[in-house]
Amino acid sequence: MTEKKQLLHMVFGGELKTLKDIEFRDLDKLDVVGIFPDYESALHAWRGKAQATVDNAHMRYFIVHMHRLLDPGQL
């Protein structure tokens, strides 16, 4: 069996200053949810955090494709 290639993804979020821009209100309060070995597990974590904070319109969570930052030539 071939092992699945590791494609790191980070999930993090925080409260935005405005709904128009991606600028965080307080960088010291960013919520780093974690680093995940694939997109599917990162998406699962993102959904959980996004749904848990749905009542705060300024709270946003993001998935960062870390594998693209580590190896820019990789798709």
N, C-alpha and C. Protein backbone atom coordinates (compact mmCIF):
# COMPACT_ATOMS: atom_id res chain seq x y z
N MET A 1 0.85 -1.19 0.00
CA MET A 1 0.00 0.00 0.00
C MET A 1 0.88 1.24 0.00
N THR A 2 0.58 2.19 -0.84
CA THR A 2 1.34 3.43 -0.95
C THR A 2 0.86 4.43 0.10
N GLU A 3 1.82 5.04 0.81
CA GLU A 3 1.47 6.03 1.82
C GLU A 3 1.05 7.34 1.14
N LYS A 4 0.00 7.93 1.68
CA LYS A 4 -0.52 9.20 1.16
C LYS A 4 0.51 10.31 1.39
N LYS A 5 0.73 11.15 0.39
CA LYS A 5 1.69 12.24 0.50
C LYS A 5 1.21 13.26 1.53
N GLN A 6 2.12 13.70 2.38
CA GLN A 6 1.80 14.67 3.42
C GLN A 6 1.74 16.07 2.82
N LEU A 7 0.58 16.70 2.93
CA LEU A 7 0.38 18.07 2.46
C LEU A 7 -0.13 18.89 3.64
N LEU A 8 0.78 19.57 4.32
CA LEU A 8 0.43 20.27 5.56
C LEU A 8 -0.50 21.46 5.33
N HIS A 9 -1.49 21.58 6.23
CA HIS A 9 -2.44 22.68 6.23
C HIS A 9 -2.58 23.19 7.66
N MET A 10 -2.65 24.50 7.81
CA MET A 10 -2.85 25.10 9.12
C MET A 10 -4.23 25.77 9.17
N VAL A 11 -4.91 25.59 10.29
CA VAL A 11 -6.20 26.25 10.51
C VAL A 11 -6.02 27.25 11.64
N PHE A 12 -6.43 28.48 11.37
CA PHE A 12 -6.35 29.52 12.40
C PHE A 12 -7.46 30.54 12.16
N GLY A 13 -7.71 31.34 13.17
CA GLY A 13 -8.75 32.36 13.02
C GLY A 13 -8.63 33.43 14.08
N GLY A 14 -9.50 34.40 13.94
CA GLY A 14 -9.54 35.49 14.89
C GLY A 14 -10.62 36.48 14.51
N GLU A 15 -10.76 37.47 15.34
CA GLU A 15 -11.79 38.48 15.11
C GLU A 15 -11.25 39.57 14.19
N LEU A 16 -12.00 39.87 13.14
CA LEU A 16 -11.60 40.89 12.17
C LEU A 16 -12.00 42.28 12.64
N LYS A 17 -11.24 43.29 12.21
CA LYS A 17 -11.58 44.68 12.53
C LYS A 17 -12.86 45.10 11.83
N THR A 18 -12.98 44.73 10.55
CA THR A 18 -14.19 45.06 9.78
C THR A 18 -14.56 43.83 8.95
N LEU A 19 -15.75 43.84 8.41
CA LEU A 19 -16.19 42.73 7.57
C LEU A 19 -15.68 42.86 6.14
N LYS A 20 -15.08 43.99 5.81
CA LYS A 20 -14.63 44.25 4.44
C LYS A 20 -13.21 43.77 4.16
N ASP A 21 -12.36 43.70 5.21
CA ASP A 21 -10.95 43.38 5.02
C ASP A 21 -10.54 42.21 5.91
N ILE A 22 -9.42 41.60 5.57
CA ILE A 22 -8.86 40.56 6.43
C ILE A 22 -7.73 41.20 7.23
N GLU A 23 -8.13 41.90 8.27
CA GLU A 23 -7.19 42.50 9.21
C GLU A 23 -7.73 42.19 10.61
N PHE A 24 -6.91 41.54 11.41
CA PHE A 24 -7.37 41.07 12.71
C PHE A 24 -7.35 42.16 13.75
N ARG A 25 -8.33 42.11 14.62
CA ARG A 25 -8.49 43.09 15.69
C ARG A 25 -7.34 43.01 16.69
N ASP A 26 -6.92 41.81 17.07
CA ASP A 26 -5.88 41.64 18.07
C ASP A 26 -5.06 40.39 17.74
N LEU A 27 -3.84 40.58 17.25
CA LEU A 27 -3.01 39.45 16.85
C LEU A 27 -2.65 38.53 18.02
N ASP A 28 -2.63 39.08 19.23
CA ASP A 28 -2.33 38.27 20.40
C ASP A 28 -3.45 37.28 20.72
N LYS A 29 -4.62 37.50 20.14
CA LYS A 29 -5.77 36.63 20.41
C LYS A 29 -6.11 35.70 19.23
N LEU A 30 -5.17 35.57 18.28
CA LEU A 30 -5.41 34.62 17.19
C LEU A 30 -5.52 33.21 17.75
N ASP A 31 -6.44 32.45 17.20
CA ASP A 31 -6.67 31.08 17.61
C ASP A 31 -6.03 30.16 16.58
N VAL A 32 -4.87 29.58 16.92
CA VAL A 32 -4.22 28.62 16.04
C VAL A 32 -4.79 27.25 16.41
N VAL A 33 -5.66 26.76 15.55
CA VAL A 33 -6.35 25.50 15.82
C VAL A 33 -5.37 24.33 15.71
N GLY A 34 -4.53 24.36 14.66
CA GLY A 34 -3.55 23.29 14.52
C GLY A 34 -3.03 23.16 13.11
N ILE A 35 -2.10 22.22 12.96
CA ILE A 35 -1.52 21.90 11.67
C ILE A 35 -1.93 20.46 11.36
N PHE A 36 -2.41 20.24 10.14
CA PHE A 36 -3.00 18.97 9.76
C PHE A 36 -2.29 18.37 8.56
N PRO A 37 -2.27 17.04 8.44
CA PRO A 37 -1.50 16.37 7.39
C PRO A 37 -2.15 16.40 6.01
N ASP A 38 -3.41 16.82 5.94
CA ASP A 38 -4.10 16.86 4.65
C ASP A 38 -5.26 17.85 4.70
N TYR A 39 -5.77 18.18 3.53
CA TYR A 39 -6.84 19.17 3.43
C TYR A 39 -8.12 18.70 4.12
N GLU A 40 -8.44 17.42 3.97
CA GLU A 40 -9.69 16.90 4.54
C GLU A 40 -9.75 17.08 6.06
N SER A 41 -8.67 16.76 6.75
CA SER A 41 -8.68 16.91 8.21
C SER A 41 -8.67 18.39 8.61
N ALA A 42 -7.99 19.23 7.83
CA ALA A 42 -8.01 20.67 8.09
C ALA A 42 -9.41 21.23 7.89
N LEU A 43 -10.09 20.79 6.85
CA LEU A 43 -11.45 21.25 6.58
C LEU A 43 -12.39 20.85 7.71
N HIS A 44 -12.23 19.66 8.23
CA HIS A 44 -13.06 19.19 9.35
C HIS A 44 -12.86 20.11 10.57
N ALA A 45 -11.60 20.44 10.88
CA ALA A 45 -11.31 21.33 12.01
C ALA A 45 -11.84 22.73 11.75
N TRP A 46 -11.68 23.22 10.52
CA TRP A 46 -12.17 24.55 10.16
C TRP A 46 -13.69 24.63 10.33
N ARG A 47 -14.39 23.63 9.84
CA ARG A 47 -15.86 23.62 9.96
C ARG A 47 -16.31 23.67 11.42
N GLY A 48 -15.64 22.91 12.25
CA GLY A 48 -16.00 22.89 13.67
C GLY A 48 -15.84 24.26 14.31
N LYS A 49 -14.73 24.92 14.04
CA LYS A 49 -14.49 26.26 14.61
C LYS A 49 -15.43 27.29 14.00
N ALA A 50 -15.63 27.23 12.69
CA ALA A 50 -16.50 28.20 12.02
C ALA A 50 -17.94 28.07 12.53
N GLN A 51 -18.40 26.85 12.71
CA GLN A 51 -19.77 26.65 13.20
C GLN A 51 -19.91 27.07 14.66
N ALA A 52 -18.86 26.87 15.44
CA ALA A 52 -18.91 27.22 16.86
C ALA A 52 -18.92 28.73 17.08
N THR A 53 -18.46 29.50 16.10
CA THR A 53 -18.37 30.96 16.26
C THR A 53 -19.32 31.69 15.31
N VAL A 54 -20.31 31.00 14.81
CA VAL A 54 -21.22 31.57 13.81
C VAL A 54 -21.96 32.80 14.33
N ASP A 55 -22.15 32.92 15.62
CA ASP A 55 -22.88 34.07 16.18
C ASP A 55 -22.06 35.36 16.19
N ASN A 56 -20.76 35.27 15.98
CA ASN A 56 -19.90 36.45 15.94
C ASN A 56 -19.53 36.72 14.48
N ALA A 57 -20.17 37.69 13.87
CA ALA A 57 -19.96 37.98 12.45
C ALA A 57 -18.52 38.38 12.12
N HIS A 58 -17.79 38.88 13.09
CA HIS A 58 -16.42 39.33 12.85
C HIS A 58 -15.38 38.21 13.00
N MET A 59 -15.80 37.06 13.51
CA MET A 59 -14.88 35.95 13.71
C MET A 59 -14.75 35.15 12.43
N ARG A 60 -13.50 34.93 11.99
CA ARG A 60 -13.25 34.18 10.76
C ARG A 60 -12.13 33.18 10.98
N TYR A 61 -12.29 32.03 10.37
CA TYR A 61 -11.26 30.99 10.38
C TYR A 61 -10.81 30.73 8.97
N PHE A 62 -9.53 30.36 8.83
CA PHE A 62 -8.92 30.18 7.51
C PHE A 62 -8.12 28.88 7.48
N ILE A 63 -7.98 28.34 6.28
CA ILE A 63 -7.09 27.21 6.04
C ILE A 63 -5.94 27.71 5.19
N VAL A 64 -4.72 27.53 5.69
CA VAL A 64 -3.52 27.93 4.96
C VAL A 64 -2.87 26.66 4.40
N HIS A 65 -2.60 26.66 3.11
CA HIS A 65 -1.95 25.53 2.45
C HIS A 65 -0.44 25.66 2.68
N MET A 66 0.02 25.17 3.81
CA MET A 66 1.43 25.31 4.18
C MET A 66 2.37 24.61 3.20
N HIS A 67 1.91 23.51 2.63
CA HIS A 67 2.75 22.77 1.69
C HIS A 67 3.10 23.64 0.48
N ARG A 68 2.24 24.57 0.12
CA ARG A 68 2.52 25.47 -1.01
C ARG A 68 3.57 26.53 -0.62
N LEU A 69 3.59 26.90 0.65
CA LEU A 69 4.58 27.86 1.13
C LEU A 69 5.96 27.20 1.25
N LEU A 70 5.95 25.94 1.65
CA LEU A 70 7.20 25.20 1.83
C LEU A 70 7.83 24.80 0.51
N ASP A 71 6.98 24.54 -0.50
CA ASP A 71 7.44 24.13 -1.82
C ASP A 71 6.60 24.85 -2.86
N PRO A 72 6.94 26.12 -3.20
CA PRO A 72 6.11 26.93 -4.09
C PRO A 72 5.87 26.32 -5.48
N GLY A 73 6.72 25.44 -5.94
CA GLY A 73 6.53 24.82 -7.25
C GLY A 73 5.49 23.71 -7.23
N GLN A 74 5.07 23.32 -6.05
CA GLN A 74 4.10 22.24 -5.89
C GLN A 74 2.67 22.77 -6.03
N LEU A 75 1.81 22.01 -6.67
CA LEU A 75 0.40 22.40 -6.79
C LEU A 75 -0.34 21.87 -5.66
